Amino acid sequence: MKVGITCYPVYGGSGVVATELGKALAARGHEIHFIAYSLPFRLSHVTENIYFHEVNVNTYPLFEYPPYSLALTSKMVDVVRYEQLDLLHVHYAIPHATSAVLARQILDEQHLPVPVVTTLHGTDITIVGQDPSFAPVVNYSINQSDGVTAVSDYLRRETLDHFDVDRDIEVIPNFIDTERFRRLNKEHFKRALCPNGEKVLVHVSNFRPVKNAQDVVKVFHRLREEDLPVKLLLVGDGPDRMPTEHLARQLGVYEDVRFLGKQEPIEEILSIADVFLMPSGSETFGLAGLEAMACNVPVVCSDIGGLPELVTEGESGFLCPLGDVDALTDRTRRLLTDEDLHARMSEAARARAVDVFDIKHIIPHYESYYERVLAQAEVAEV
């Protein structure tokens, strides 16, 4: 099968999932063509069966804002035509699904039919999509796609509740390679950061305000006030990083907090973590939490969105009311001070990641879905 994949190629869950999906499909013999404005973050280099097509956006004095969506449409048309793709799989409703639907219409006139599969990831539905200026386009793009998937049942329900969708939405959860994401022996690294045997808290995000990174610092501060020996590692970058750093200084804990910026491979950092904190105000799945679980790290997170589908309360982690710093602190303290509880939850976190969300379980689901969409498209042509 020849599949074109379009995603945002930046540091973030949707781009990571789209890239890892393409790599896994290529390893299973499919021919994968990434179509984006730059090389996807997790695609460090192209390999056999993987191709990259850059979308170039020319600037003209007429355009105050370069029309990326139209440039993407043109590139999709070219790649489908000359590479003879079987299917376009786009991640995010706007502008990717919109561009793909328009590309399909252009190709239909050239008698080159190509089905479009759209995967909904989160803010394209829960935030951006519900903006009145975008909602009609999102609604149209979803309904005009030949297949639609969502990364959690929560996101599926949000889509059906807020849009006039007249088609089925298949839930295919996010996934990871649990052979890559596993606890590594990094004791030398941990001893360098924690010379006195301190425990390690980790938070990974793009530091948007919705991730509530400042709540992580508040939890850490409370634990330090109790004289618990603990360090905090914050991974990622974004608009809320500076306010979070400022808060750490205000609370007097900055010396025991490391702001590491964007890091790869993240599994090396997760391998020294004792607890993963995720106090997000909105998560449709929680890929960073899954990566932690695969590395035997229990997750303490908000009880919102798709997180209850990922974290089993009291088994692989704890779910806390949104914004409840007291509850976040209490659950984290329990994990740091009860060795038996921590060991039990660490094993359960790893087991859930392997048994439910490993890539080998999810990729066949996507292949099967592609085949169904292609079969339906063939019937429609007759």
Protein backbone atom coordinates (compact mmCIF):
# COMPACT_ATOMS: atom_id res chain seq x y z
CA MET A 1 0.00 0.00 0.00
CA LYS A 2 1.23 3.53 -0.82
CA VAL A 3 0.17 6.00 1.85
CA GLY A 4 0.66 9.75 2.05
CA ILE A 5 0.89 11.09 5.63
CA THR A 6 0.54 14.75 6.59
CA CYS A 7 1.09 16.03 10.12
CA TYR A 8 2.47 18.98 12.01
CA PRO A 9 6.20 18.17 12.00
CA VAL A 10 6.91 19.81 15.35
CA TYR A 11 7.42 18.64 18.94
CA GLY A 12 4.01 17.36 20.01
CA GLY A 13 1.89 14.26 20.36
CA SER A 14 0.11 14.27 17.00
CA GLY A 15 3.32 14.69 15.02
CA VAL A 16 5.03 11.96 17.04
CA VAL A 17 2.17 9.49 16.52
CA ALA A 18 1.91 10.24 12.79
CA THR A 19 5.65 9.80 12.31
CA GLU A 20 5.87 6.60 14.32
CA LEU A 21 2.85 5.24 12.44
CA GLY A 22 4.57 5.91 9.12
CA LYS A 23 7.81 4.30 10.27
CA ALA A 24 5.98 1.23 11.54
CA LEU A 25 3.97 0.87 8.32
CA ALA A 26 7.16 1.17 6.27
CA ALA A 27 8.76 -1.57 8.37
CA ARG A 28 5.78 -3.79 7.45
CA GLY A 29 6.42 -3.25 3.72
CA HIS A 30 4.18 -0.28 2.92
CA GLU A 31 5.49 2.71 0.98
CA ILE A 32 5.11 5.89 3.04
CA HIS A 33 5.26 9.47 1.76
CA PHE A 34 5.38 12.26 4.34
CA ILE A 35 4.01 15.56 3.04
CA ALA A 36 4.76 18.52 5.34
CA TYR A 37 6.49 21.90 5.51
CA SER A 38 9.55 20.36 7.22
CA LEU A 39 10.93 16.97 8.16
CA PRO A 40 8.85 15.56 11.04
CA PHE A 41 10.49 15.79 14.46
CA ARG A 42 10.80 12.03 14.97
CA LEU A 43 11.86 11.34 11.38
CA SER A 44 15.59 12.04 11.73
CA HIS A 45 16.31 10.63 8.28
CA VAL A 46 14.46 8.90 5.48
CA THR A 47 14.99 5.18 5.02
CA GLU A 48 13.82 2.45 2.72
CA ASN A 49 10.10 2.76 1.95
CA ILE A 50 9.95 6.27 3.49
CA TYR A 51 9.94 9.46 1.40
CA PHE A 52 9.63 13.10 2.34
CA HIS A 53 7.99 15.80 0.20
CA GLU A 54 8.46 19.35 1.43
CA VAL A 55 5.66 21.86 1.03
CA ASN A 56 7.10 25.16 -0.14
CA VAL A 57 5.07 28.30 0.51
CA ASN A 58 6.00 31.18 -1.75
CA THR A 59 5.50 34.69 -0.46
CA TYR A 60 3.94 37.37 -2.64
CA PRO A 61 3.26 41.03 -1.78
CA LEU A 62 -0.44 40.32 -2.37
CA PHE A 63 -0.58 37.86 0.56
CA GLU A 64 -0.27 39.23 4.07
CA TYR A 65 -0.36 35.61 5.28
CA PRO A 66 1.14 32.93 2.97
CA PRO A 67 -1.59 30.42 1.99
CA TYR A 68 -0.05 27.25 3.42
CA SER A 69 -3.22 25.19 3.10
CA LEU A 70 -3.38 25.81 -0.65
CA ALA A 71 0.32 25.04 -1.10
CA LEU A 72 -0.27 21.80 0.83
CA THR A 73 -3.20 20.94 -1.43
CA SER A 74 -1.08 21.41 -4.55
CA LYS A 75 1.72 19.27 -3.12
CA MET A 76 -0.75 16.52 -2.22
CA VAL A 77 -2.10 16.54 -5.77
CA ASP A 78 1.42 16.26 -7.20
CA VAL A 79 2.51 13.47 -4.86
CA VAL A 80 -0.66 11.42 -5.42
CA ARG A 81 -0.38 11.86 -9.18
CA TYR A 82 3.31 11.07 -9.61
CA GLU A 83 3.79 8.55 -6.80
CA GLN A 84 0.44 6.85 -7.44
CA LEU A 85 -0.63 6.87 -3.81
CA ASP A 86 -3.49 4.66 -2.67
CA LEU A 87 -4.59 6.80 0.24
CA LEU A 88 -3.99 10.08 2.08
CA HIS A 89 -3.88 9.94 5.88
CA VAL A 90 -3.93 13.38 7.50
CA HIS A 91 -3.51 14.20 11.17
CA TYR A 92 -5.55 17.16 12.46
CA ALA A 93 -8.77 18.38 10.91
CA ILE A 94 -7.50 21.82 9.93
CA PRO A 95 -5.86 22.61 7.71
CA HIS A 96 -4.75 19.09 6.80
CA ALA A 97 -8.11 17.42 6.26
CA THR A 98 -9.39 20.51 4.47
CA SER A 99 -6.42 20.46 2.10
CA ALA A 100 -6.75 16.72 1.53
CA VAL A 101 -10.47 16.94 0.71
CA LEU A 102 -9.76 19.70 -1.82
CA ALA A 103 -6.88 17.68 -3.28
CA ARG A 104 -9.17 14.67 -3.66
CA GLN A 105 -11.73 16.78 -5.51
CA ILE A 106 -9.06 18.02 -7.92
CA LEU A 107 -7.80 14.48 -8.46
CA ASP A 108 -11.33 13.18 -9.02
CA GLU A 109 -11.59 15.49 -12.03
CA GLN A 110 -8.38 13.92 -13.34
CA HIS A 111 -9.82 10.43 -12.78
CA LEU A 112 -7.27 9.72 -10.04
CA PRO A 113 -9.44 8.85 -7.02
CA VAL A 114 -7.69 8.80 -3.64
CA PRO A 115 -9.53 8.25 -0.33
CA VAL A 116 -8.82 10.56 2.63
CA VAL A 117 -8.51 9.31 6.21
CA THR A 118 -8.52 11.99 8.91
CA THR A 119 -7.24 11.35 12.43
CA LEU A 120 -8.49 13.73 15.11
CA HIS A 121 -5.99 14.34 17.89
CA GLY A 122 -7.36 16.93 20.27
CA THR A 123 -7.19 20.69 20.00
CA ASP A 124 -8.43 20.50 16.41
CA ILE A 125 -11.75 19.52 18.04
CA THR A 126 -11.71 20.68 21.65
CA ILE A 127 -10.26 24.18 21.18
CA VAL A 128 -9.53 25.33 17.62
CA GLY A 129 -12.40 23.47 16.01
CA GLN A 130 -14.99 25.00 18.31
CA ASP A 131 -13.90 28.54 17.42
CA PRO A 132 -16.86 29.91 15.40
CA SER A 133 -14.48 31.12 12.68
CA PHE A 134 -13.24 27.55 12.07
CA ALA A 135 -16.15 25.32 13.08
CA PRO A 136 -17.90 25.16 9.67
CA VAL A 137 -14.64 24.19 7.95
CA VAL A 138 -13.86 21.53 10.56
CA ASN A 139 -17.37 20.12 10.27
CA TYR A 140 -17.19 19.98 6.48
CA SER A 141 -13.71 18.44 6.44
CA ILE A 142 -14.72 15.67 8.83
CA ASN A 143 -17.89 14.81 6.93
CA GLN A 144 -16.12 14.86 3.57
CA SER A 145 -13.33 12.52 4.71
CA ASP A 146 -13.66 8.92 3.58
CA GLY A 147 -12.63 7.70 7.02
CA VAL A 148 -12.26 9.36 10.41
CA THR A 149 -10.44 8.10 13.49
CA ALA A 150 -10.02 9.55 16.97
CA VAL A 151 -7.28 8.77 19.48
CA SER A 152 -9.69 8.19 22.39
CA ASP A 153 -13.34 7.52 23.04
CA TYR A 154 -13.46 10.86 24.87
CA LEU A 155 -12.41 12.67 21.69
CA ARG A 156 -14.92 10.72 19.64
CA ARG A 157 -17.71 11.80 22.01
CA GLU A 158 -16.51 15.43 22.01
CA THR A 159 -16.59 15.46 18.22
CA LEU A 160 -20.10 14.03 18.03
CA ASP A 161 -21.32 16.39 20.75
CA HIS A 162 -19.98 19.60 19.21
CA PHE A 163 -20.23 18.98 15.47
CA ASP A 164 -22.92 17.86 13.07
CA VAL A 165 -21.09 14.70 12.04
CA ASP A 166 -23.00 12.24 9.89
CA ARG A 167 -20.39 9.50 9.71
CA ASP A 168 -18.84 6.88 11.99
CA ILE A 169 -15.67 7.69 13.90
CA GLU A 170 -13.31 4.81 14.61
CA VAL A 171 -11.39 4.94 17.91
CA ILE A 172 -7.77 3.90 17.40
CA PRO A 173 -5.71 4.88 20.44
CA ASN A 174 -2.24 6.32 20.42
CA PHE A 175 0.59 3.85 20.78
CA ILE A 176 4.29 3.46 21.44
CA ASP A 177 7.05 0.97 20.75
CA THR A 178 7.50 -0.64 24.16
CA GLU A 179 10.78 -2.16 23.03
CA ARG A 180 12.16 1.34 22.70
CA PHE A 181 10.25 2.78 25.65
CA ARG A 182 11.36 0.61 28.54
CA ARG A 183 13.30 1.27 31.70
CA LEU A 184 17.01 1.44 30.96
CA ASN A 185 19.90 1.13 33.38
CA LYS A 186 20.78 4.80 33.88
CA GLU A 187 21.88 4.64 37.51
CA HIS A 188 25.05 6.60 36.73
CA PHE A 189 22.88 9.39 35.32
CA LYS A 190 20.61 9.31 38.37
CA ARG A 191 23.54 9.40 40.80
CA ALA A 192 24.94 12.46 39.03
CA LEU A 193 21.63 14.31 39.42
CA CYS A 194 20.77 12.87 42.83
CA PRO A 195 24.02 12.36 44.75
CA ASN A 196 22.15 11.86 48.01
CA GLY A 197 19.69 9.29 46.71
CA GLU A 198 16.84 11.72 46.06
CA LYS A 199 13.69 10.60 44.25
CA VAL A 200 12.94 12.11 40.83
CA LEU A 201 9.72 13.71 39.59
CA VAL A 202 9.37 14.30 35.85
CA HIS A 203 7.00 16.41 33.77
CA VAL A 204 7.10 16.46 29.95
CA SER A 205 5.04 18.84 27.82
CA ASN A 206 5.04 21.63 25.27
CA PHE A 207 4.56 24.11 28.14
CA ARG A 208 1.32 25.55 26.89
CA PRO A 209 -0.75 27.04 29.73
CA VAL A 210 -3.25 24.16 29.42
CA LYS A 211 -0.51 21.76 30.61
CA ASN A 212 -0.47 23.45 34.05
CA ALA A 213 3.29 23.08 34.49
CA GLN A 214 3.18 25.58 37.36
CA ASP A 215 1.08 23.10 39.36
CA VAL A 216 3.99 20.66 39.05
CA VAL A 217 6.28 23.21 40.71
CA LYS A 218 3.68 23.82 43.43
CA VAL A 219 3.52 20.08 44.19
CA PHE A 220 7.30 19.90 44.28
CA HIS A 221 7.49 22.89 46.63
CA ARG A 222 5.05 21.27 49.06
CA LEU A 223 7.01 18.03 49.08
CA ARG A 224 10.22 19.91 49.76
CA GLU A 225 8.55 21.76 52.65
CA GLU A 226 7.98 18.32 54.15
CA ASP A 227 11.73 17.64 53.80
CA LEU A 228 11.20 14.84 51.30
CA PRO A 229 14.43 14.24 49.35
CA VAL A 230 13.28 14.82 45.79
CA LYS A 231 14.39 16.48 42.55
CA LEU A 232 12.27 17.76 39.64
CA LEU A 233 13.03 17.46 35.93
CA LEU A 234 10.95 19.52 33.48
CA VAL A 235 11.27 18.51 29.84
CA GLY A 236 10.04 20.54 26.88
CA ASP A 237 9.64 24.16 25.94
CA GLY A 238 6.86 26.61 25.18
CA PRO A 239 5.11 29.81 26.23
CA ASP A 240 4.61 28.81 29.88
CA ARG A 241 8.23 27.86 30.53
CA MET A 242 9.36 31.32 31.70
CA PRO A 243 6.44 31.78 34.15
CA THR A 244 7.16 28.29 35.49
CA GLU A 245 10.83 29.12 36.01
CA HIS A 246 9.82 32.36 37.72
CA LEU A 247 7.51 30.48 40.10
CA ALA A 248 10.30 28.02 40.99
CA ARG A 249 12.50 30.98 41.94
CA GLN A 250 9.72 32.63 43.94
CA LEU A 251 9.11 29.45 45.93
CA GLY A 252 12.83 28.95 46.56
CA VAL A 253 13.11 25.54 44.88
CA TYR A 254 14.84 26.54 41.65
CA GLU A 255 18.18 24.98 42.67
CA ASP A 256 16.56 21.53 42.78
CA VAL A 257 14.66 21.90 39.49
CA ARG A 258 16.19 21.20 36.09
CA PHE A 259 14.61 22.76 33.00
CA LEU A 260 15.95 20.47 30.27
CA GLY A 261 14.18 21.85 27.19
CA LYS A 262 13.31 19.52 24.33
CA GLN A 263 15.03 16.17 24.68
CA GLU A 264 15.48 13.04 22.62
CA PRO A 265 15.59 10.20 23.48
CA ILE A 266 13.12 10.91 26.26
CA GLU A 267 13.19 7.31 27.50
CA GLU A 268 16.63 7.91 29.04
CA ILE A 269 15.16 10.61 31.29
CA LEU A 270 12.07 8.56 32.08
CA SER A 271 14.33 5.69 33.12
CA ILE A 272 15.44 7.62 36.22
CA ALA A 273 11.96 8.91 37.11
CA ASP A 274 10.01 7.75 40.15
CA VAL A 275 6.75 9.61 39.44
CA PHE A 276 5.41 11.31 36.30
CA LEU A 277 3.25 14.39 36.93
CA MET A 278 0.60 15.42 34.40
CA PRO A 279 -1.82 18.02 35.84
CA SER A 280 -3.18 19.04 32.42
CA GLY A 281 -6.37 20.99 31.96
CA SER A 282 -7.05 19.23 28.66
CA GLU A 283 -5.75 15.90 27.33
CA THR A 284 -7.49 13.85 24.70
CA PHE A 285 -5.11 10.94 25.24
CA GLY A 286 -1.86 11.73 27.08
CA LEU A 287 0.98 10.28 25.00
CA ALA A 288 3.67 11.58 27.36
CA GLY A 289 2.00 9.67 30.18
CA LEU A 290 1.99 6.48 28.12
CA GLU A 291 5.71 6.85 27.44
CA ALA A 292 6.29 7.16 31.18
CA MET A 293 4.16 4.10 31.95
CA ALA A 294 6.13 2.03 29.45
CA CYS A 295 9.26 2.98 31.42
CA ASN A 296 7.74 1.67 34.68
CA VAL A 297 6.82 5.14 35.94
CA PRO A 298 3.45 5.57 37.70
CA VAL A 299 1.47 8.61 36.52
CA VAL A 300 -0.24 11.16 38.75
CA CYS A 301 -2.55 13.19 36.53
CA SER A 302 -5.80 15.11 36.18
CA ASP A 303 -9.03 13.16 35.96
CA ILE A 304 -10.04 14.75 32.67
CA GLY A 305 -10.44 14.01 28.96
CA GLY A 306 -8.92 10.77 27.72
CA LEU A 307 -6.61 10.25 30.72
CA PRO A 308 -8.98 7.82 32.49
CA GLU A 309 -8.74 5.63 29.37
CA LEU A 310 -4.96 5.57 29.80
CA VAL A 311 -4.38 5.50 33.56
CA THR A 312 -6.21 2.95 35.68
CA GLU A 313 -6.96 4.65 39.00
CA GLY A 314 -5.12 3.07 41.90
CA GLU A 315 -3.33 0.54 39.66
CA SER A 316 -1.06 2.23 37.11
CA GLY A 317 -1.34 5.69 38.66
CA PHE A 318 -3.68 8.18 40.29
CA LEU A 319 -6.37 10.43 38.82
CA CYS A 320 -6.91 13.71 40.67
CA PRO A 321 -9.55 16.44 40.35
CA LEU A 322 -8.48 19.15 37.94
CA GLY A 323 -6.48 21.88 39.66
CA ASP A 324 -6.40 20.07 43.01
CA VAL A 325 -2.79 20.60 44.08
CA ASP A 326 -3.53 19.04 47.46
CA ALA A 327 -4.62 15.78 45.84
CA LEU A 328 -1.69 15.79 43.41
CA THR A 329 0.71 16.28 46.31
CA ASP A 330 -0.92 13.58 48.43
CA ARG A 331 -0.81 10.92 45.68
CA THR A 332 2.75 11.80 44.75
CA ARG A 333 3.81 11.61 48.41
CA ARG A 334 2.24 8.17 48.73
CA LEU A 335 4.23 6.88 45.77
CA LEU A 336 7.48 8.39 47.03
CA THR A 337 7.15 7.04 50.57
CA ASP A 338 5.50 3.62 50.12
CA GLU A 339 7.98 1.33 48.38
CA ASP A 340 5.55 -1.57 48.01
CA LEU A 341 2.90 0.65 46.46
CA HIS A 342 5.43 2.18 44.09
CA ALA A 343 6.77 -1.20 42.99
CA ARG A 344 3.25 -2.55 42.40
CA MET A 345 2.16 0.50 40.38
CA SER A 346 5.41 0.57 38.39
CA GLU A 347 4.83 -2.99 37.21
CA ALA A 348 1.16 -2.32 36.48
CA ALA A 349 2.02 0.79 34.46
CA ARG A 350 4.46 -1.15 32.29
CA ALA A 351 2.02 -4.05 31.87
CA ARG A 352 -0.80 -1.76 30.73
CA ALA A 353 1.45 -0.04 28.20
CA VAL A 354 2.59 -3.38 26.77
CA ASP A 355 -0.75 -5.19 26.84
CA VAL A 356 -2.97 -2.40 25.50
CA PHE A 357 -0.98 0.32 23.75
CA ASP A 358 2.02 -1.40 22.17
CA ILE A 359 2.58 -0.56 18.53
CA LYS A 360 2.17 -4.18 17.47
CA HIS A 361 -1.46 -4.10 18.65
CA ILE A 362 -2.37 -0.78 17.02
CA ILE A 363 -0.70 -0.86 13.58
CA PRO A 364 -2.80 -3.82 12.34
CA HIS A 365 -5.88 -1.82 13.40
CA TYR A 366 -4.81 1.03 11.11
CA GLU A 367 -4.05 -1.40 8.26
CA SER A 368 -7.46 -2.99 8.61
CA TYR A 369 -9.12 0.42 8.66
CA TYR A 370 -7.25 1.51 5.52
CA GLU A 371 -8.44 -1.63 3.74
CA ARG A 372 -12.06 -0.96 4.73
CA VAL A 373 -11.87 2.63 3.52
CA LEU A 374 -10.30 1.56 0.22
CA ALA A 375 -12.95 -1.13 -0.27
CA GLN A 376 -15.76 1.36 0.42
CA ALA A 377 -14.19 3.80 -2.05
CA GLU A 378 -14.07 1.14 -4.74
CA VAL A 379 -17.73 0.32 -4.20
CA ALA A 380 -18.64 4.01 -4.41
CA GLU A 381 -16.87 4.30 -7.77
CA VAL A 382 -18.87 1.48 -9.34
